Structures are given as C-alpha cells and as structure tokens.
Amino acid sequence: MADPGFPGQHTTTTTVKSSSTTVDTVLRFDKSYIRTIPGYLKIAQIIVNLLGFICIEASGYLSYHSRGSWFNFVAMTAFWVTAILLAFYLFHVVERFYRVPWLKFEFGYCALWTLFYLIAACLAVSFSNEAYIAAGFFGFCGMTLYAFDAFLKFQGVKTGQLAQGERVVTKQTTTATISPSHTVSAFP
C-alpha cells in the first residue's frame, strides 16, 4: 500500500544560463560612437567643462581664489578624463580591454564628479561675480550631465552590459514530470 502523504509524481525544473561575449580587439577609429547617447553626453561634458573653466579664467577677478581654483580643478580634471575616455571609445580601446570593469569605473567617476560639480557650482554662484555666476551655471549643467551619465552607467552595470562590444545571455528552462518507477510495499 502506498503512503498517502507521499506524492505519486513530482516536477523538476532546471534552468541553465549561458552567455557569450563578442568583441573585436583590433584598435580602429570608429566615429559612430559619437552618434550614441553616451557619445553625445561626453561631447557635451567636454564643452561644459571647457566653458566653465574659461569663465573662471576670464573673470579677471582672482581666478586663483580658492573657489575659482576648486572650480578649475573640477572642470579641467573632468575635461581631460572625459576626453581620454572619449578617445578610448572612438579607438575601441575599451573593447580591446573588455575584461576591465569600465562601466563600474565610469559610474564611480560620474557619480563623484556629480558631487564635485554640485560643490563647485554652489561655491561659484555664491561669489557674486558675473563670470563666477556664469561658471556656476555651467557647473550645474555639468552636474546634470554627469548625473545622467552615472544613471546610464548604473543601469548598464545592473543589467550586465559591456561598455563596448556585445554580450548575449541565453536562458534555457527545462521542466520534467517524473513518476516513480516502482512501488514500495510494506511487509505483512
């Protein structure tokens, strides 16, 4: 007699995930990156960084003041780092070194520079000089651009994207219903 608490059959579900990464590790110039949203963001960031720096330098009013020095540090560091990253994407250096966690690095950089630009822009607009106020405006624009870029990078990290190249993840689910092949009976 079969045990009434023991099911006559059970279901087993197996899920297998596999991924394949497709990258071209040859260094080459490809201007199509500029036509993407991250490409537009990097171009806009470079322009805003440069305009903010020019406003502080052209103020004629103590560009060596601590507020101006901090703003110039933020703007010029961001200018050069963003320009180098843009060059890396244009020449597919990022794709060549696809094992480097580029998106995590860029997320950290963009998040940090969002905070730095918030501080620098607030300090600049509180100085009551027209050139500093203009620089503060560009600082707030830079803060917004870097915040949006950080958001995009966070989304990419969360979904497992590559910075450049292609990763395809396939998921295969198999369900099987199994019945016992023999019955165990109790001895009389």
C-alpha atoms as a PDB file:
ATOM      1  CA  MET A   1       0.000   0.000   0.000  1.00  0.00           C
ATOM      2  CA  ALA A   2       1.377   3.376  -0.964  1.00  0.00           C
ATOM      3  CA  ASP A   3       1.974   6.114   1.599  1.00  0.00           C
ATOM      4  CA  PRO A   4      -0.924   8.618   1.263  1.00  0.00           C
ATOM      5  CA  GLY A   5       1.364  11.545   2.215  1.00  0.00           C
ATOM      6  CA  PHE A   6       3.893  10.745  -0.498  1.00  0.00           C
ATOM      7  CA  PRO A   7       3.082  12.150  -3.950  1.00  0.00           C
ATOM      8  CA  GLY A   8       2.812   9.770  -6.864  1.00  0.00           C
ATOM      9  CA  GLN A   9       4.903  12.099  -9.032  1.00  0.00           C
ATOM     10  CA  HIS A  10       6.977  15.269  -8.771  1.00  0.00           C
ATOM     11  CA  THR A  11       8.120  18.022 -11.110  1.00  0.00           C
ATOM     12  CA  THR A  12      11.737  19.037 -11.598  1.00  0.00           C
ATOM     13  CA  THR A  13      12.647  22.367 -13.208  1.00  0.00           C
ATOM     14  CA  THR A  14      16.176  23.025 -14.428  1.00  0.00           C
ATOM     15  CA  THR A  15      17.333  26.458 -15.579  1.00  0.00           C
ATOM     16  CA  VAL A  16      20.626  26.897 -17.409  1.00  0.00           C
ATOM     17  CA  LYS A  17      22.081  30.327 -18.186  1.00  0.00           C
ATOM     18  CA  SER A  18      24.846  30.741 -20.686  1.00  0.00           C
ATOM     19  CA  SER A  19      26.425  33.863 -22.069  1.00  0.00           C
ATOM     20  CA  SER A  20      28.667  34.621 -24.961  1.00  0.00           C
ATOM     21  CA  THR A  21      30.763  37.739 -25.371  1.00  0.00           C
ATOM     22  CA  THR A  22      31.532  39.088 -28.819  1.00  0.00           C
ATOM     23  CA  VAL A  23      34.267  41.697 -29.053  1.00  0.00           C
ATOM     24  CA  ASP A  24      36.647  42.841 -31.757  1.00  0.00           C
ATOM     25  CA  THR A  25      40.002  43.502 -30.076  1.00  0.00           C
ATOM     26  CA  VAL A  26      41.543  45.323 -33.038  1.00  0.00           C
ATOM     27  CA  LEU A  27      42.225  49.001 -32.376  1.00  0.00           C
ATOM     28  CA  ARG A  28      40.475  51.107 -35.002  1.00  0.00           C
ATOM     29  CA  PHE A  29      38.874  54.529 -35.340  1.00  0.00           C
ATOM     30  CA  ASP A  30      35.083  54.421 -35.379  1.00  0.00           C
ATOM     31  CA  LYS A  31      33.224  57.733 -35.286  1.00  0.00           C
ATOM     32  CA  SER A  32      29.823  56.044 -34.905  1.00  0.00           C
ATOM     33  CA  TYR A  33      30.240  56.227 -31.090  1.00  0.00           C
ATOM     34  CA  ILE A  34      29.718  59.983 -31.277  1.00  0.00           C
ATOM     35  CA  ARG A  35      26.170  59.365 -32.577  1.00  0.00           C
ATOM     36  CA  THR A  36      25.168  57.404 -29.445  1.00  0.00           C
ATOM     37  CA  ILE A  37      23.700  58.874 -26.258  1.00  0.00           C
ATOM     38  CA  PRO A  38      26.925  58.253 -24.262  1.00  0.00           C
ATOM     39  CA  GLY A  39      28.868  59.866 -27.120  1.00  0.00           C
ATOM     40  CA  TYR A  40      26.645  62.953 -27.102  1.00  0.00           C
ATOM     41  CA  LEU A  41      26.993  63.120 -23.325  1.00  0.00           C
ATOM     42  CA  LYS A  42      30.784  63.023 -23.467  1.00  0.00           C
ATOM     43  CA  ILE A  43      30.902  65.769 -26.119  1.00  0.00           C
ATOM     44  CA  ALA A  44      28.515  67.942 -24.069  1.00  0.00           C
ATOM     45  CA  GLN A  45      30.538  67.289 -20.894  1.00  0.00           C
ATOM     46  CA  ILE A  46      33.769  68.339 -22.595  1.00  0.00           C
ATOM     47  CA  ILE A  47      32.167  71.561 -23.877  1.00  0.00           C
ATOM     48  CA  VAL A  48      30.621  72.438 -20.499  1.00  0.00           C
ATOM     49  CA  ASN A  49      33.901  71.702 -18.688  1.00  0.00           C
ATOM     50  CA  LEU A  50      35.792  73.997 -21.035  1.00  0.00           C
ATOM     51  CA  LEU A  51      33.208  76.810 -20.864  1.00  0.00           C
ATOM     52  CA  GLY A  52      33.179  76.763 -17.060  1.00  0.00           C
ATOM     53  CA  PHE A  53      36.972  76.877 -16.954  1.00  0.00           C
ATOM     54  CA  ILE A  54      37.053  79.802 -19.416  1.00  0.00           C
ATOM     55  CA  CYS A  55      34.512  81.750 -17.325  1.00  0.00           C
ATOM     56  CA  ILE A  56      36.645  81.446 -14.181  1.00  0.00           C
ATOM     57  CA  GLU A  57      39.862  82.302 -16.014  1.00  0.00           C
ATOM     58  CA  ALA A  58      38.298  85.255 -17.851  1.00  0.00           C
ATOM     59  CA  SER A  59      36.762  86.689 -14.691  1.00  0.00           C
ATOM     60  CA  GLY A  60      39.750  88.943 -14.138  1.00  0.00           C
ATOM     61  CA  TYR A  61      38.812  88.713 -10.507  1.00  0.00           C
ATOM     62  CA  LEU A  62      41.015  86.373  -8.591  1.00  0.00           C
ATOM     63  CA  SER A  63      40.867  83.237 -10.676  1.00  0.00           C
ATOM     64  CA  TYR A  64      43.410  81.968  -8.157  1.00  0.00           C
ATOM     65  CA  HIS A  65      40.858  82.435  -5.345  1.00  0.00           C
ATOM     66  CA  SER A  66      40.098  79.138  -3.591  1.00  0.00           C
ATOM     67  CA  ARG A  67      36.600  78.976  -5.120  1.00  0.00           C
ATOM     68  CA  GLY A  68      37.987  79.559  -8.594  1.00  0.00           C
ATOM     69  CA  SER A  69      40.841  77.130  -8.031  1.00  0.00           C
ATOM     70  CA  TRP A  70      38.443  74.406  -6.886  1.00  0.00           C
ATOM     71  CA  PHE A  71      36.143  75.022  -9.860  1.00  0.00           C
ATOM     72  CA  ASN A  72      39.096  74.936 -12.260  1.00  0.00           C
ATOM     73  CA  PHE A  73      40.365  71.706 -10.699  1.00  0.00           C
ATOM     74  CA  VAL A  74      36.939  70.093 -11.115  1.00  0.00           C
ATOM     75  CA  ALA A  75      36.451  71.412 -14.665  1.00  0.00           C
ATOM     76  CA  MET A  76      39.915  70.616 -16.012  1.00  0.00           C
ATOM     77  CA  THR A  77      40.183  67.187 -14.405  1.00  0.00           C
ATOM     78  CA  ALA A  78      36.766  66.322 -15.814  1.00  0.00           C
ATOM     79  CA  PHE A  79      37.756  67.773 -19.198  1.00  0.00           C
ATOM     80  CA  TRP A  80      40.861  65.598 -19.517  1.00  0.00           C
ATOM     81  CA  VAL A  81      39.386  62.395 -18.069  1.00  0.00           C
ATOM     82  CA  THR A  82      36.284  62.682 -20.260  1.00  0.00           C
ATOM     83  CA  ALA A  83      38.383  63.487 -23.351  1.00  0.00           C
ATOM     84  CA  ILE A  84      40.574  60.433 -22.710  1.00  0.00           C
ATOM     85  CA  LEU A  85      37.506  58.227 -22.214  1.00  0.00           C
ATOM     86  CA  LEU A  86      36.020  59.577 -25.452  1.00  0.00           C
ATOM     87  CA  ALA A  87      39.257  58.736 -27.281  1.00  0.00           C
ATOM     88  CA  PHE A  88      39.216  55.236 -25.735  1.00  0.00           C
ATOM     89  CA  TYR A  89      35.706  54.664 -27.079  1.00  0.00           C
ATOM     90  CA  LEU A  90      36.448  56.159 -30.504  1.00  0.00           C
ATOM     91  CA  PHE A  91      39.500  53.921 -30.958  1.00  0.00           C
ATOM     92  CA  HIS A  92      37.857  50.869 -29.311  1.00  0.00           C
ATOM     93  CA  VAL A  93      40.439  50.660 -26.530  1.00  0.00           C
ATOM     94  CA  VAL A  94      37.553  49.889 -24.168  1.00  0.00           C
ATOM     95  CA  GLU A  95      36.523  46.951 -26.344  1.00  0.00           C
ATOM     96  CA  ARG A  96      40.085  45.671 -26.547  1.00  0.00           C
ATOM     97  CA  PHE A  97      40.294  45.516 -22.753  1.00  0.00           C
ATOM     98  CA  TYR A  98      36.730  44.295 -22.228  1.00  0.00           C
ATOM     99  CA  ARG A  99      37.631  42.436 -19.023  1.00  0.00           C
ATOM    100  CA  VAL A 100      38.280  45.756 -17.269  1.00  0.00           C
ATOM    101  CA  PRO A 101      35.055  46.830 -15.494  1.00  0.00           C
ATOM    102  CA  TRP A 102      34.751  50.053 -17.500  1.00  0.00           C
ATOM    103  CA  LEU A 103      31.124  50.687 -16.603  1.00  0.00           C
ATOM    104  CA  LYS A 104      31.851  50.435 -12.871  1.00  0.00           C
ATOM    105  CA  PHE A 105      34.817  52.776 -13.241  1.00  0.00           C
ATOM    106  CA  GLU A 106      32.772  55.270 -15.243  1.00  0.00           C
ATOM    107  CA  PHE A 107      29.850  55.031 -12.828  1.00  0.00           C
ATOM    108  CA  GLY A 108      32.151  55.880  -9.906  1.00  0.00           C
ATOM    109  CA  TYR A 109      33.802  58.692 -11.848  1.00  0.00           C
ATOM    110  CA  CYS A 110      30.495  60.227 -12.992  1.00  0.00           C
ATOM    111  CA  ALA A 111      28.905  59.940  -9.542  1.00  0.00           C
ATOM    112  CA  LEU A 112      31.924  61.564  -7.887  1.00  0.00           C
ATOM    113  CA  TRP A 113      32.053  64.370 -10.445  1.00  0.00           C
ATOM    114  CA  THR A 114      28.334  64.997  -9.980  1.00  0.00           C
ATOM    115  CA  LEU A 115      29.076  65.726  -6.324  1.00  0.00           C
ATOM    116  CA  PHE A 116      32.208  67.756  -7.141  1.00  0.00           C
ATOM    117  CA  TYR A 117      30.300  69.889  -9.651  1.00  0.00           C
ATOM    118  CA  LEU A 118      27.491  70.464  -7.155  1.00  0.00           C
ATOM    119  CA  ILE A 119      30.007  71.816  -4.633  1.00  0.00           C
ATOM    120  CA  ALA A 120      31.995  73.830  -7.201  1.00  0.00           C
ATOM    121  CA  ALA A 121      28.893  75.385  -8.788  1.00  0.00           C
ATOM    122  CA  CYS A 122      27.401  76.351  -5.414  1.00  0.00           C
ATOM    123  CA  LEU A 123      30.674  77.980  -4.395  1.00  0.00           C
ATOM    124  CA  ALA A 124      30.947  79.808  -7.719  1.00  0.00           C
ATOM    125  CA  VAL A 125      27.437  81.294  -7.740  1.00  0.00           C
ATOM    126  CA  SER A 126      27.769  82.444  -4.133  1.00  0.00           C
ATOM    127  CA  PHE A 127      30.781  84.639  -5.035  1.00  0.00           C
ATOM    128  CA  SER A 128      28.604  87.412  -6.599  1.00  0.00           C
ATOM    129  CA  ASN A 129      30.779  87.956  -9.656  1.00  0.00           C
ATOM    130  CA  GLU A 130      29.179  87.685 -13.107  1.00  0.00           C
ATOM    131  CA  ALA A 131      31.878  85.416 -14.508  1.00  0.00           C
ATOM    132  CA  TYR A 132      31.711  83.158 -11.451  1.00  0.00           C
ATOM    133  CA  ILE A 133      27.906  83.022 -11.731  1.00  0.00           C
ATOM    134  CA  ALA A 134      28.222  82.046 -15.409  1.00  0.00           C
ATOM    135  CA  ALA A 135      30.763  79.395 -14.413  1.00  0.00           C
ATOM    136  CA  GLY A 136      28.310  78.207 -11.761  1.00  0.00           C
ATOM    137  CA  PHE A 137      25.631  77.840 -14.433  1.00  0.00           C
ATOM    138  CA  PHE A 138      27.975  75.677 -16.498  1.00  0.00           C
ATOM    139  CA  GLY A 139      28.854  73.806 -13.317  1.00  0.00           C
ATOM    140  CA  PHE A 140      25.201  72.955 -12.707  1.00  0.00           C
ATOM    141  CA  CYS A 141      24.907  71.889 -16.356  1.00  0.00           C
ATOM    142  CA  GLY A 142      27.970  69.675 -15.873  1.00  0.00           C
ATOM    143  CA  MET A 143      26.478  68.249 -12.681  1.00  0.00           C
ATOM    144  CA  THR A 144      23.303  67.320 -14.569  1.00  0.00           C
ATOM    145  CA  LEU A 145      25.223  65.743 -17.455  1.00  0.00           C
ATOM    146  CA  TYR A 146      27.434  63.681 -15.149  1.00  0.00           C
ATOM    147  CA  ALA A 147      24.418  62.626 -13.035  1.00  0.00           C
ATOM    148  CA  PHE A 148      22.576  61.380 -16.131  1.00  0.00           C
ATOM    149  CA  ASP A 149      25.711  59.584 -17.332  1.00  0.00           C
ATOM    150  CA  ALA A 150      26.098  57.965 -13.891  1.00  0.00           C
ATOM    151  CA  PHE A 151      22.483  56.806 -14.100  1.00  0.00           C
ATOM    152  CA  LEU A 152      23.099  55.219 -17.517  1.00  0.00           C
ATOM    153  CA  LYS A 153      26.264  53.519 -16.272  1.00  0.00           C
ATOM    154  CA  PHE A 154      24.427  52.205 -13.202  1.00  0.00           C
ATOM    155  CA  GLN A 155      21.725  50.741 -15.445  1.00  0.00           C
ATOM    156  CA  GLY A 156      24.434  49.112 -17.569  1.00  0.00           C
ATOM    157  CA  VAL A 157      26.198  47.612 -14.551  1.00  0.00           C
ATOM    158  CA  LYS A 158      22.897  46.343 -13.161  1.00  0.00           C
ATOM    159  CA  THR A 159      21.946  44.590 -16.403  1.00  0.00           C
ATOM    160  CA  GLY A 160      25.432  43.158 -17.007  1.00  0.00           C
ATOM    161  CA  GLN A 161      26.193  45.108 -20.178  1.00  0.00           C
ATOM    162  CA  LEU A 162      29.638  45.575 -21.614  1.00  0.00           C
ATOM    163  CA  ALA A 163      30.910  49.115 -22.093  1.00  0.00           C
ATOM    164  CA  GLN A 164      31.663  48.297 -25.734  1.00  0.00           C
ATOM    165  CA  GLY A 165      31.083  45.060 -27.590  1.00  0.00           C
ATOM    166  CA  GLU A 166      28.220  42.636 -27.191  1.00  0.00           C
ATOM    167  CA  ARG A 167      27.206  40.113 -24.557  1.00  0.00           C
ATOM    168  CA  VAL A 168      24.359  37.710 -25.252  1.00  0.00           C
ATOM    169  CA  VAL A 169      22.803  35.844 -22.332  1.00  0.00           C
ATOM    170  CA  THR A 170      20.565  32.888 -23.132  1.00  0.00           C
ATOM    171  CA  LYS A 171      18.346  31.201 -20.591  1.00  0.00           C
ATOM    172  CA  GLN A 172      17.033  27.684 -21.143  1.00  0.00           C
ATOM    173  CA  THR A 173      14.415  26.214 -18.818  1.00  0.00           C
ATOM    174  CA  THR A 174      13.511  22.518 -18.836  1.00  0.00           C
ATOM    175  CA  THR A 175      10.581  21.088 -16.875  1.00  0.00           C
ATOM    176  CA  ALA A 176      10.130  17.347 -16.383  1.00  0.00           C
ATOM    177  CA  THR A 177       7.396  15.447 -14.528  1.00  0.00           C
ATOM    178  CA  ILE A 178       8.694  12.209 -13.056  1.00  0.00           C
ATOM    179  CA  SER A 179       6.598   9.265 -11.828  1.00  0.00           C
ATOM    180  CA  PRO A 180       8.118   6.635  -9.553  1.00  0.00           C
ATOM    181  CA  SER A 181       9.211   3.537 -11.483  1.00  0.00           C
ATOM    182  CA  HIS A 182       8.427   1.074  -8.733  1.00  0.00           C
ATOM    183  CA  THR A 183       6.196   0.840  -5.684  1.00  0.00           C
ATOM    184  CA  VAL A 184       7.491   0.019  -2.250  1.00  0.00           C
ATOM    185  CA  SER A 185       5.169  -2.237  -0.274  1.00  0.00           C
ATOM    186  CA  ALA A 186       5.217  -2.902   3.420  1.00  0.00           C
ATOM    187  CA  PHE A 187       5.949  -6.426   4.685  1.00  0.00           C
ATOM    188  CA  PRO A 188       2.911  -8.227   6.182  1.00  0.00           C
END
